[in-house]
Protein backbone atom coordinates (compact mmCIF):
# COMPACT_ATOMS: atom_id res chain seq x y z
CA MET A 1 -84.83 19.12 149.07
CA THR A 2 -88.56 19.90 150.09
CA ALA A 3 -89.38 16.23 149.28
CA THR A 4 -86.82 14.99 151.65
CA VAL A 5 -88.07 17.40 154.42
CA ALA A 6 -91.72 16.09 153.80
CA LEU A 7 -90.47 12.45 153.74
CA LEU A 8 -88.16 12.61 157.04
CA LEU A 9 -89.60 15.47 159.08
CA PRO A 10 -92.74 13.50 160.20
CA TRP A 11 -90.42 10.44 160.90
CA LEU A 12 -88.40 12.65 163.25
CA ALA A 13 -90.86 13.99 164.93
CA GLY A 14 -92.37 10.55 165.50
CA ALA A 15 -89.34 8.80 166.44
CA VAL A 16 -88.65 11.55 168.98
CA TRP A 17 -91.99 10.87 170.56
CA THR A 18 -91.89 7.45 170.71
CA TYR A 19 -88.54 7.70 172.12
CA TRP A 20 -89.50 9.95 174.99
CA LEU A 21 -92.60 7.43 175.57
CA VAL A 22 -90.86 4.20 175.68
CA SER A 23 -87.27 5.04 176.69
CA ARG A 24 -88.35 5.12 180.69
CA ASN A 25 -87.31 1.60 180.79
CA GLU A 26 -85.40 -1.05 178.93
CA ARG A 27 -88.30 -2.31 177.10
CA TRP A 28 -87.58 -0.88 173.68
CA ASN A 29 -85.28 -0.85 170.89
CA TRP A 30 -84.23 0.92 167.95
CA ALA A 31 -86.85 -1.07 165.63
CA ILE A 32 -89.74 0.13 167.82
CA VAL A 33 -88.69 3.68 167.86
CA ALA A 34 -88.16 3.60 163.96
CA GLY A 35 -91.30 1.66 162.96
CA HIS A 36 -93.79 3.26 165.60
CA GLY A 37 -92.01 6.81 164.87
CA TYR A 38 -92.92 6.67 161.29
CA VAL A 39 -96.50 6.01 161.67
CA LEU A 40 -96.76 8.43 164.68
CA GLY A 41 -95.01 11.15 162.71
CA LEU A 42 -97.45 11.04 159.83
CA PHE A 43 -100.41 11.18 162.40
CA ILE A 44 -98.75 14.08 163.94
CA MET A 45 -98.25 15.72 160.63
CA THR A 46 -102.10 15.30 159.89
CA LEU A 47 -103.00 16.94 163.25
CA CYS A 48 -100.55 19.79 162.41
CA ILE A 49 -102.24 20.22 158.78
CA ARG A 50 -105.91 20.22 160.63
CA MET A 51 -104.47 22.73 163.35
CA TRP A 52 -103.08 25.13 160.90
CA ASP A 53 -106.02 25.13 158.67
CA ALA A 54 -108.49 25.40 161.92
CA ALA A 55 -106.55 28.72 162.66
CA GLY A 56 -107.81 30.19 159.56
CA LEU A 57 -104.26 30.13 157.98
CA GLN A 58 -103.67 29.40 154.41
CA LEU A 59 -102.26 25.84 153.61
CA GLN A 60 -98.65 26.06 152.65
CA PHE A 61 -95.66 23.68 153.25
CA GLY A 62 -93.48 25.93 155.17
CA GLY A 63 -95.54 27.03 158.06
CA ILE A 64 -97.11 23.66 158.70
CA ALA A 65 -93.21 22.37 158.56
CA GLY A 66 -92.13 24.92 160.93
CA LEU A 67 -95.05 23.94 163.33
CA LEU A 68 -94.15 19.93 162.93
CA ALA A 69 -90.50 20.92 163.64
CA GLY A 70 -91.75 22.65 166.79
CA VAL A 71 -93.74 19.82 168.11
CA THR A 72 -90.34 17.83 167.46
CA LEU A 73 -88.16 20.41 169.30
CA LEU A 74 -90.80 19.89 172.00
CA GLY A 75 -90.51 16.07 172.33
CA ALA A 76 -86.57 16.53 172.15
CA ALA A 77 -86.78 19.14 175.05
CA LEU A 78 -88.95 16.71 177.03
CA ILE A 79 -86.39 14.04 176.34
CA LYS A 80 -83.40 16.27 177.97
CA LEU A 81 -85.49 17.06 180.74
CA GLN A 82 -86.30 13.49 181.75
CA PRO A 83 -84.86 12.89 185.42
CA GLY A 84 -81.88 10.57 185.08
CA GLN A 85 -80.80 9.09 182.14
CA PRO A 86 -83.06 7.09 179.44
CA ALA A 87 -83.10 3.76 179.88
CA ALA A 88 -80.60 1.59 177.38
CA ALA A 89 -82.55 -0.56 174.85
CA ALA A 90 -82.58 -3.94 175.26
CA PRO A 91 -79.25 -6.03 174.35
CA SER A 92 -79.18 -8.12 171.42
CA PRO A 93 -76.85 -11.26 172.18
CA THR A 94 -74.35 -12.29 169.49
CA MET A 95 -75.22 -14.74 166.80
CA PRO A 96 -73.68 -17.85 165.20
CA ALA A 97 -72.28 -17.43 161.48
CA TRP A 98 -75.06 -19.42 159.99
CA LYS A 99 -77.87 -17.24 161.58
CA LYS A 100 -76.31 -14.40 160.46
CA ALA A 101 -76.09 -15.88 156.80
CA ILE A 102 -79.72 -16.45 156.97
CA ILE A 103 -80.61 -13.17 158.16
CA ALA A 104 -78.39 -11.50 155.58
CA VAL A 105 -80.00 -13.27 152.74
CA LEU A 106 -83.56 -12.56 154.49
CA LEU A 107 -82.65 -8.66 154.28
CA ALA A 108 -81.49 -8.78 150.84
CA LEU A 109 -84.41 -9.91 149.75
CA ILE A 110 -86.47 -7.81 151.23
CA ALA A 111 -84.33 -4.58 150.33
CA TYR A 112 -84.62 -5.82 146.78
CA ARG A 113 -88.41 -6.23 146.79
CA TYR A 114 -88.90 -3.14 147.94
CA PHE A 115 -86.34 -1.33 145.85
CA THR A 116 -88.80 -2.57 142.95
CA ILE A 117 -91.48 -1.50 144.57
CA PHE A 118 -90.33 2.09 144.93
CA GLN A 119 -89.31 1.74 141.38
CA GLU A 120 -93.13 0.94 140.47
CA ILE A 121 -94.34 4.00 142.70
CA ILE A 122 -91.72 6.55 141.22
CA LEU A 123 -91.20 5.36 137.57
CA ARG A 124 -94.33 3.48 136.66
CA PRO A 125 -97.25 4.57 138.79
CA LEU A 126 -100.60 2.52 138.27
CA PHE A 127 -103.41 4.41 140.39
CA PRO A 128 -106.09 2.25 141.79
CA TRP A 129 -109.39 3.62 140.70
CA ASP A 130 -110.73 3.78 144.27
CA ALA A 131 -107.98 5.65 145.46
CA TRP A 132 -108.75 8.46 142.63
CA MET A 133 -112.52 8.33 143.18
CA ASN A 134 -112.52 8.73 147.22
CA TRP A 135 -109.09 9.88 148.53
CA ALA A 136 -107.17 11.95 146.20
CA PRO A 137 -110.13 14.50 145.06
CA LYS A 138 -109.93 15.89 148.31
CA ALA A 139 -106.19 16.19 148.35
CA ILE A 140 -106.22 17.79 145.21
CA VAL A 141 -109.12 20.33 146.08
CA TRP A 142 -107.37 21.38 148.95
CA PHE A 143 -103.88 21.97 147.40
CA GLU A 144 -105.54 24.10 144.74
CA HIS A 145 -107.78 26.10 147.19
CA LYS A 146 -104.83 26.25 149.72
CA SER A 147 -107.63 25.49 152.27
CA MET A 148 -109.65 22.50 153.61
CA VAL A 149 -112.98 23.38 151.71
CA PRO A 150 -115.49 21.36 152.86
CA PHE A 151 -117.27 18.37 150.71
CA ALA A 152 -120.78 17.52 151.25
CA ALA A 153 -123.56 15.14 149.88
CA GLN A 154 -124.77 15.43 146.58
CA GLN A 155 -127.99 16.83 147.21
CA VAL A 156 -126.53 19.54 149.39
CA TRP A 157 -123.87 20.50 146.52
CA LEU A 158 -126.97 20.77 144.03
CA ASN A 159 -128.86 23.15 146.27
CA ALA A 160 -125.50 25.44 147.32
CA PRO A 161 -125.30 28.54 145.73
CA ALA A 162 -122.54 28.76 142.67
CA SER A 163 -120.36 31.21 144.96
CA GLU A 164 -120.13 28.47 147.67
CA LEU A 165 -117.02 26.33 147.88
CA VAL A 166 -118.57 22.87 148.20
CA HIS A 167 -117.28 19.81 146.53
CA ILE A 168 -118.55 16.35 146.02
CA GLU A 169 -116.78 13.10 145.36
CA GLY A 170 -117.44 9.79 143.25
CA ALA A 171 -118.90 7.41 145.81
CA LYS A 172 -122.18 8.53 147.55
CA ASN A 173 -120.78 8.62 150.92
CA ALA A 174 -117.09 9.47 150.21
CA TRP A 175 -117.85 13.19 151.30
CA ARG A 176 -117.92 11.95 154.88
CA TYR A 177 -115.01 9.56 154.62
CA PRO A 178 -112.15 9.71 157.37
CA ILE A 179 -109.60 12.28 155.77
CA GLY A 180 -106.08 10.90 157.11
CA VAL A 181 -105.26 9.35 153.87
CA PRO A 182 -106.04 12.60 151.68
CA LEU A 183 -103.99 14.66 154.34
CA VAL A 184 -100.96 12.47 153.71
CA GLN A 185 -101.46 13.07 149.82
CA LEU A 186 -101.84 16.82 150.58
CA TRP A 187 -98.52 17.05 152.67
CA GLY A 188 -96.70 15.70 149.65
CA MET A 189 -98.43 18.18 147.33
CA LEU A 190 -97.80 20.96 149.42
CA ALA A 191 -93.98 20.14 149.58
CA LEU A 192 -93.51 19.76 145.88
CA GLY A 193 -95.77 22.34 145.01
CA THR A 194 -97.53 20.18 142.46
CA ASN A 195 -100.40 17.33 142.50
CA ASP A 196 -98.84 15.49 139.73
CA SER A 197 -95.63 13.90 141.30
CA THR A 198 -95.24 10.61 142.10
CA LEU A 199 -92.95 11.34 145.05
CA ILE A 200 -96.14 12.14 146.96
CA TYR A 201 -96.67 8.56 146.99
CA LEU A 202 -93.57 7.10 148.60
CA PRO A 203 -95.36 6.62 152.11
CA TRP A 204 -97.17 3.73 150.65
CA GLY A 205 -93.73 1.98 150.48
CA MET A 206 -92.69 3.46 153.76
CA ILE A 207 -95.33 2.40 156.03
CA ALA A 208 -94.83 -1.45 154.91
CA LEU A 209 -91.32 -1.07 155.86
CA ALA A 210 -92.37 0.72 159.27
CA MET A 211 -94.80 -2.29 159.69
CA GLY A 212 -91.88 -4.84 159.25
CA LEU A 213 -89.91 -2.73 161.74
CA ALA A 214 -92.28 -2.71 164.46
CA LEU A 215 -93.17 -6.47 164.37
CA TYR A 216 -89.30 -7.32 164.40
CA GLY A 217 -88.63 -4.95 167.60
CA HIS A 218 -91.94 -6.26 169.52
CA LEU A 219 -90.95 -9.75 168.41
CA LYS A 220 -87.54 -9.27 169.94
CA LEU A 221 -88.94 -7.42 173.06
CA LEU A 222 -91.37 -10.46 173.73
CA GLY A 223 -88.07 -12.80 173.70
CA HIS A 224 -88.10 -14.14 170.04
CA SER A 225 -84.49 -14.78 168.66
CA THR A 226 -83.39 -12.20 165.99
CA LEU A 227 -83.64 -14.95 163.38
CA ILE A 228 -87.11 -15.62 164.23
CA ALA A 229 -88.21 -12.08 164.11
CA VAL A 230 -86.56 -11.24 160.77
CA VAL A 231 -88.05 -14.55 159.12
CA ALA A 232 -91.70 -13.26 160.62
CA GLY A 233 -90.60 -9.71 158.97
CA TYR A 234 -90.11 -11.43 155.48
CA LEU A 235 -93.29 -13.26 155.90
CA LEU A 236 -95.03 -10.32 156.27
CA LEU A 237 -93.06 -7.94 153.64
CA SER A 238 -93.09 -10.65 151.13
CA MET A 239 -96.87 -11.26 150.99
CA PRO A 240 -98.13 -10.21 147.48
CA PHE A 241 -101.22 -8.28 148.75
CA VAL A 242 -98.95 -6.06 151.14
CA ASN A 243 -96.73 -5.39 148.09
CA VAL A 244 -99.41 -4.78 145.70
CA HIS A 245 -100.74 -1.94 148.41
CA SER A 246 -97.29 -0.40 148.29
CA ALA A 247 -97.10 0.12 144.57
CA LEU A 248 -100.68 0.80 144.00
CA ALA A 249 -100.27 3.93 145.99
CA GLY A 250 -103.50 5.59 147.19
CA TYR A 251 -105.55 3.10 149.04
CA ALA A 252 -106.28 3.44 152.85
CA ASP A 253 -106.58 -0.58 153.46
CA LEU A 254 -102.55 -0.89 154.04
CA TRP A 255 -102.75 2.05 156.41
CA VAL A 256 -105.65 0.81 158.48
CA GLY A 257 -103.84 -2.57 158.44
CA VAL A 258 -100.65 -1.17 159.76
CA ALA A 259 -102.16 1.22 162.51
CA TYR A 260 -104.47 -1.83 163.67
CA GLY A 261 -101.34 -4.15 163.78
CA MET A 262 -99.31 -1.75 165.80
CA GLY A 263 -102.04 -1.20 167.99
CA ILE A 264 -102.05 -4.96 168.87
CA LEU A 265 -98.15 -5.28 169.03
CA THR A 266 -98.28 -2.45 171.59
CA ILE A 267 -101.04 -4.11 173.78
CA MET A 268 -99.05 -7.52 173.64
CA GLU A 269 -96.08 -5.54 174.85
CA TRP A 270 -98.27 -3.71 177.55
CA ASN A 271 -99.70 -7.60 178.64
CA ALA A 272 -96.33 -8.62 178.84
CA SER A 273 -94.58 -5.94 180.70
CA ARG A 274 -97.24 -3.81 182.24
CA SER A 275 -94.95 -1.07 180.48
CA TRP A 276 -97.52 2.12 180.63
CA PRO A 277 -96.23 3.78 177.37
CA TYR A 278 -97.43 0.99 175.29
CA THR A 279 -101.00 1.81 176.43
CA ILE A 280 -100.53 5.51 175.23
CA LEU A 281 -99.24 4.09 172.00
CA ALA A 282 -102.12 1.69 171.68
CA VAL A 283 -104.54 4.58 171.85
CA LEU A 284 -102.77 6.89 169.68
CA MET A 285 -102.89 3.80 167.07
CA ALA A 286 -106.63 3.18 167.68
CA LEU A 287 -107.28 7.07 167.11
CA PHE A 288 -105.33 7.15 163.71
CA CYS A 289 -107.24 4.08 162.74
CA ALA A 290 -110.28 5.76 163.09
CA LEU A 291 -109.02 8.89 161.18
CA LEU A 292 -108.00 6.87 158.06
CA LYS A 293 -111.24 5.10 156.75
CA THR A 294 -114.60 4.30 157.99
CA PRO A 295 -113.80 0.59 158.92
CA GLY A 296 -110.92 1.81 160.61
CA ILE A 297 -113.14 3.20 163.23
CA ILE A 298 -114.51 -0.29 164.09
CA MET A 299 -110.77 -1.77 163.97
CA GLY A 300 -109.69 1.18 166.30
CA GLY A 301 -112.71 0.40 168.78
CA PHE A 302 -111.12 -3.28 168.63
CA ILE A 303 -107.86 -1.91 169.99
CA VAL A 304 -109.55 0.08 172.89
CA ALA A 305 -111.68 -2.91 173.58
CA ILE A 306 -108.77 -5.18 173.55
CA LEU A 307 -106.83 -3.11 175.33
CA ALA A 308 -109.51 -2.67 178.19
CA THR A 309 -109.71 -6.55 178.62
CA THR A 310 -105.89 -6.57 179.69
CA PHE A 311 -106.91 -4.54 182.61
CA PHE A 312 -108.78 -7.46 184.23
CA PRO A 313 -108.17 -10.88 185.46
CA VAL A 314 -108.86 -13.36 182.55
CA SER A 315 -110.12 -16.53 183.59
CA ARG A 316 -112.22 -19.43 182.25
CA THR A 317 -115.18 -18.11 184.59
CA VAL A 318 -114.82 -14.55 183.28
CA MET A 319 -114.63 -15.78 179.80
CA ILE A 320 -117.90 -17.93 180.12
CA GLY A 321 -119.63 -14.97 181.67
CA PHE A 322 -118.65 -12.61 178.95
CA PHE A 323 -119.72 -15.01 176.12
CA VAL A 324 -122.94 -15.75 177.92
CA MET A 325 -123.59 -11.89 178.25
CA LEU A 326 -122.75 -11.47 174.48
CA THR A 327 -125.09 -14.46 173.57
CA LEU A 328 -128.08 -13.03 175.46
CA THR A 329 -127.14 -9.49 174.25
CA ILE A 330 -127.40 -10.46 170.57
CA THR A 331 -130.50 -12.57 171.04
CA TYR A 332 -132.46 -10.00 172.65
CA ALA A 333 -131.13 -7.43 170.02
CA PHE A 334 -132.33 -9.93 167.36
CA ILE A 335 -135.95 -10.57 168.86
CA PHE A 336 -136.55 -7.33 170.52
CA GLY A 337 -134.10 -4.67 168.91
CA ILE A 338 -131.99 -2.02 170.70
CA HIS A 339 -132.35 1.58 170.00
CA LEU A 340 -130.33 4.13 171.55
CA ASN A 341 -129.96 7.91 170.85
CA LEU A 342 -126.64 9.24 171.96
CA GLN A 343 -126.76 12.98 172.32
CA GLY A 344 -123.89 14.42 170.43
CA ILE A 345 -122.92 11.12 168.76
CA GLY A 346 -126.16 9.54 167.13
CA ASP A 347 -128.68 6.88 166.82
CA ILE A 348 -127.55 3.27 167.50
CA SER A 349 -130.05 0.58 166.16
CA ILE A 350 -129.49 -3.32 165.96
CA SER A 351 -132.13 -5.83 165.20
CA SER A 352 -132.34 -8.96 163.06
CA ASN A 353 -132.82 -6.95 159.81
CA ILE A 354 -130.53 -3.79 160.44
CA ILE A 355 -127.65 -2.40 162.07
CA ALA A 356 -127.04 1.28 162.17
CA LEU A 357 -123.92 2.68 163.90
CA PRO A 358 -123.09 6.42 164.24
CA PHE A 359 -120.14 7.61 161.88
CA ILE A 360 -120.33 3.88 160.08
CA GLY A 361 -123.87 3.82 158.31
CA SER A 362 -126.73 2.02 158.06
CA PHE A 363 -126.69 -1.63 156.85
CA PRO A 364 -129.81 -4.22 156.23
CA LEU A 365 -129.20 -7.58 157.40
CA GLN A 366 -129.53 -10.65 155.15
CA PHE A 367 -127.26 -13.88 154.81
CA HIS A 368 -125.42 -14.15 151.74
CA ASP A 369 -123.42 -17.42 151.21
CA VAL A 370 -119.99 -16.06 149.90
CA SER A 371 -118.31 -19.00 151.04
CA ILE A 372 -116.74 -19.83 147.68
CA ALA A 373 -115.43 -16.26 147.09
CA MET A 374 -114.03 -16.37 150.63
CA THR A 375 -112.34 -19.96 150.17
CA ASN A 376 -110.88 -18.86 146.62
CA THR A 377 -109.81 -15.58 148.08
CA MET A 378 -107.98 -17.01 151.11
CA LEU A 379 -106.78 -20.47 149.92
CA PHE A 380 -106.49 -20.49 146.18
CA MET A 381 -105.57 -17.28 144.98
CA ILE A 382 -101.90 -16.06 145.66
CA ASN A 383 -102.82 -12.80 147.50
CA TRP A 384 -101.45 -13.93 150.80
CA ASN A 385 -99.10 -16.68 149.95
CA ILE A 386 -99.85 -19.74 152.51
CA ILE A 387 -100.58 -18.10 155.80
CA TRP A 388 -104.37 -19.10 155.80
CA TYR A 389 -103.28 -22.87 155.29
CA PHE A 390 -101.25 -22.32 158.63
CA LEU A 391 -103.88 -20.89 160.60
CA ALA A 392 -105.97 -23.69 161.47
CA PRO A 393 -103.30 -26.19 162.13
CA ALA A 394 -101.58 -23.46 164.23
CA LEU A 395 -105.07 -23.03 166.42
CA LEU A 396 -105.26 -26.64 166.72
CA ILE A 397 -101.71 -27.37 168.09
CA SER A 398 -101.67 -24.41 170.17
CA ILE A 399 -104.96 -25.18 171.89
CA PHE A 400 -103.74 -28.99 172.37
CA LYS A 401 -100.18 -28.35 173.36
CA GLN A 402 -100.63 -25.11 175.50
CA PRO A 403 -104.45 -24.31 175.95
CA ALA A 404 -104.06 -21.71 178.79
CA VAL A 405 -101.30 -19.63 176.77
CA MET A 406 -103.64 -19.64 173.70
CA LEU A 407 -107.05 -19.11 174.70
CA TYR A 408 -105.83 -16.28 176.69
CA SER A 409 -103.78 -14.68 174.24
CA ILE A 410 -103.95 -11.23 172.48
CA GLU A 411 -103.29 -12.59 169.58
CA LEU A 412 -106.15 -15.06 169.78
CA ARG A 413 -108.57 -12.19 170.78
CA ALA A 414 -107.08 -9.62 167.94
CA THR A 415 -107.74 -12.30 165.01
CA SER A 416 -111.10 -13.40 166.39
CA VAL A 417 -112.70 -10.25 166.47
CA THR A 418 -110.94 -9.09 163.06
CA LEU A 419 -112.04 -12.11 161.13
CA GLY A 420 -115.11 -12.08 162.82
CA PHE A 421 -115.98 -8.63 161.76
CA ILE A 422 -114.74 -9.22 158.01
CA PHE A 423 -116.87 -12.36 157.65
CA PHE A 424 -119.83 -10.67 159.33
CA VAL A 425 -119.74 -7.86 156.69
CA TYR A 426 -119.41 -10.15 153.81
CA TYR A 427 -121.90 -12.69 154.75
CA PHE A 428 -124.77 -10.45 156.11
CA THR A 429 -124.39 -7.03 154.65
CA GLY A 430 -125.09 -5.82 151.12
CA ARG A 431 -120.94 -5.77 151.01
CA TYR A 432 -121.27 -9.39 149.84
CA GLU A 433 -121.38 -8.43 145.99
CA PHE A 434 -117.85 -7.08 146.57
CA ALA A 435 -116.88 -10.33 148.09
CA ASN A 436 -118.37 -12.14 145.21
CA ASP A 437 -116.54 -10.03 142.27
CA TYR A 438 -113.42 -10.01 144.23
CA THR A 439 -113.11 -6.16 144.26
CA GLN A 440 -112.97 -5.38 148.16
CA VAL A 441 -112.50 -8.78 150.31
CA ASN A 442 -109.17 -9.21 149.29
CA ARG A 443 -108.07 -5.81 150.89
CA ALA A 444 -110.15 -5.87 153.71
CA LEU A 445 -108.25 -9.32 154.68
CA ILE A 446 -105.00 -7.05 155.10
CA TYR A 447 -106.60 -5.83 158.81
CA ALA A 448 -106.12 -9.48 159.77
CA ILE A 449 -102.69 -10.26 158.49
CA LEU A 450 -100.39 -8.90 161.48
CA PRO A 451 -102.76 -10.57 164.32
CA VAL A 452 -103.02 -13.88 162.25
CA LEU A 453 -99.28 -14.08 161.74
CA LEU A 454 -98.61 -13.05 165.54
CA LEU A 455 -100.92 -16.36 166.19
CA ILE A 456 -99.01 -18.59 164.21
CA LEU A 457 -95.94 -17.71 165.78
CA GLN A 458 -97.51 -18.79 169.21
CA VAL A 459 -97.19 -22.54 168.08
CA PRO A 460 -95.33 -24.55 170.22
CA GLY A 461 -91.83 -24.87 168.89
CA VAL A 462 -91.60 -21.65 167.05
CA ALA A 463 -92.92 -19.76 170.52
CA GLN A 464 -89.95 -21.56 172.16
CA CYS A 465 -87.52 -20.45 169.99
CA ARG A 466 -86.58 -17.78 172.30
CA ASP A 467 -82.86 -18.36 173.30
CA LEU A 468 -80.51 -16.08 174.60
CA LYS A 469 -78.11 -16.74 171.64
CA ALA A 470 -80.15 -14.35 169.52
């Protein structure tokens, strides 16, 4: 019973608040409420755990679930108090039988694939090393102590008195990693009364399905046919590495990829309709990104930056001016260096040989040729099906056929900054070794998959499959 509550209550909470936001006009549908609602609900749940612990209360499922239920009822009350009736969802036109048949086959394939993934999670779990080294220890310690006791650096732990509750983790800096994922694990542990149940990891399968629902819902709002939206969902949810990170429950990368992708989807809807609730959803997804993993801080920053660009008219002059300023800034940084001390935040240093950012870390800069590893990962391994083969042709066709649409698109901005960040990290920092041994670069690319898929869908022909017959 408690496992069911733990699985569904955050979803209900997030769906209620998502519905309260988006139902102010007809720019919404059930898939957006369900998809965004699941992720937003988990975010709200982690905040409830933090508030409960900050109040000095012992961590226990009943109390935190009661707090989350109260948040849900507050959202329901606000819906009830809204003046007038909530706007009806965007209508779905009827479809010919052959489209329904194709959609039924694709949905059946998705259902079967995720049935087997949930089987893997529940019956034959394979826990990844990185997850057990960096994420699960926090959740287990907090579960045993019924309190979010602190984690600290190794030297601090060594110098702490024996009576002080201070803990360390495997990776050198894991003690200061964002704690969103451990809190998701902790929620399941508190509900089940144990830290040794595979049911704790069901959200790793659920969040992938939530991403598919959100993609479907947003594509429908943007005018794509039901068939194209379902095909896109199938392409996303059938990618081997998306499946791997659902079945290998415990990693944080899928969570960052989902939150980031949903942030980009909400920006696209805001840019298309100027429906302000989607800006709020975008900011919430940015915050959730930052609370999941250190790279999530960067990805959350990208969401905010891309959102900010939509408030200004984008023209060729503006773009040229932006790239000139960016080039001059980078040149100045590499020649003279930039050093800033931000009160309450920390030091920022950027030069030709090092980059140091608050909450992120310090990274010596040196070029490392990881081209073979990147080529193998993207083109010759089977992690991403053939999506990378489509990217370059899609860009070339779109720029040639509809340059104004493509060059100013949200999809291109998101894809450019995401892939630029990933390539910079592996070509210029010490992380290059994790590209060469293939232990990290594969999962880092998960951040870019949804923006890349959205970019491919802009190809003329695909983008024009927006008929009123679904």
